[in-house]
């Protein structure tokens, strides 16, 4: 399913989209922290092995996906401010 442009969303949909983006950002941050913790624990416990760097690949993927969503988040926030929704 393709995302609608923020200008095409109704007020309720725009507010819901803001909540979804906030939840998505929090979930990604928690996963990144967890994966970094697993990597550090693995490095301390077993030294540097393949499994130390394996979670870091997922961190890389999460960070890149967040970068792609940043422009959409900015557009939603700007549209919300334009409509005086908070």
Protein backbone atom coordinates (compact mmCIF):
# COMPACT_ATOMS: atom_id res chain seq x y z
CA UNK A 1 0.00 0.00 0.00
CA UNK A 2 1.36 3.38 -1.00
CA UNK A 3 1.38 6.24 1.48
CA UNK A 4 -0.81 9.22 0.76
CA UNK A 5 0.72 12.65 0.68
CA UNK A 6 0.11 14.54 3.93
CA UNK A 7 -1.89 17.20 2.08
CA UNK A 8 -4.37 14.51 0.97
CA UNK A 9 -5.06 13.26 4.50
CA UNK A 10 -8.00 14.39 6.57
CA UNK A 11 -7.39 15.99 9.96
CA UNK A 12 -8.07 12.74 11.82
CA UNK A 13 -5.89 10.73 9.47
CA UNK A 14 -3.09 13.26 9.86
CA UNK A 15 -3.23 13.05 13.66
CA UNK A 16 -3.29 9.25 13.47
CA UNK A 17 -0.31 9.29 11.12
CA UNK A 18 1.62 11.46 13.60
CA UNK A 19 0.92 8.92 16.36
CA UNK A 20 2.00 6.05 14.12
CA UNK A 21 5.23 7.82 13.19
CA UNK A 22 6.02 8.53 16.84
CA UNK A 23 5.43 4.87 17.75
CA UNK A 24 7.55 3.74 14.82
CA UNK A 25 10.40 6.03 15.87
CA UNK A 26 10.30 4.75 19.46
CA UNK A 27 10.22 1.11 18.34
CA UNK A 28 13.18 1.61 16.02
CA UNK A 29 15.17 3.32 18.79
CA UNK A 30 14.46 0.47 21.19
CA UNK A 31 15.49 -2.15 18.63
CA UNK A 32 18.69 -0.28 17.81
CA UNK A 33 19.55 -0.06 21.50
CA UNK A 34 18.82 -3.74 22.04
CA UNK A 35 20.91 -4.82 19.06
CA UNK A 36 23.82 -2.61 20.08
CA UNK A 37 23.61 -4.06 23.59
CA UNK A 38 23.67 -7.60 22.23
CA UNK A 39 26.74 -6.76 20.14
CA UNK A 40 28.60 -5.21 23.07
CA UNK A 41 27.69 -8.10 25.36
CA UNK A 42 28.84 -10.60 22.74
CA UNK A 43 32.12 -8.75 22.25
CA UNK A 44 32.82 -8.63 25.99
CA UNK A 45 31.75 -12.21 26.65
CA UNK A 46 33.19 -14.02 23.60
CA UNK A 47 35.47 -11.54 21.88
CA UNK A 48 34.94 -10.34 18.34
CA UNK A 49 33.27 -13.03 16.23
CA UNK A 50 30.80 -13.13 13.37
CA UNK A 51 27.92 -13.06 15.83
CA UNK A 52 29.26 -9.85 17.33
CA UNK A 53 28.82 -8.04 14.03
CA UNK A 54 25.64 -9.81 12.90
CA UNK A 55 23.28 -7.59 14.97
CA UNK A 56 25.11 -4.52 13.67
CA UNK A 57 23.91 -5.36 10.16
CA UNK A 58 20.34 -5.03 11.40
CA UNK A 59 21.21 -1.73 13.08
CA UNK A 60 22.48 -0.50 9.72
CA UNK A 61 19.22 -1.53 8.03
CA UNK A 62 17.10 0.15 10.71
CA UNK A 63 19.07 3.39 10.52
CA UNK A 64 18.76 3.49 6.74
CA UNK A 65 15.02 2.86 6.84
CA UNK A 66 14.63 5.67 9.41
CA UNK A 67 16.51 8.06 7.12
CA UNK A 68 14.06 7.35 4.32
CA UNK A 69 11.09 8.10 6.60
CA UNK A 70 12.51 11.37 7.91
CA UNK A 71 11.30 13.43 4.94
CA UNK A 72 7.79 12.01 5.24
CA UNK A 73 7.80 12.78 8.99
CA UNK A 74 8.81 16.36 8.24
CA UNK A 75 6.04 16.70 5.66
CA UNK A 76 3.43 15.37 8.09
CA UNK A 77 4.64 17.70 10.84
CA UNK A 78 4.62 20.72 8.51
CA UNK A 79 1.11 19.91 7.26
CA UNK A 80 -0.09 19.50 10.83
CA UNK A 81 1.38 22.87 11.79
CA UNK A 82 -0.15 24.46 8.70
CA UNK A 83 -3.60 23.21 9.74
CA UNK A 84 -3.01 24.17 13.40
CA UNK A 85 -3.44 20.58 14.61
CA UNK A 86 -1.63 19.52 17.77
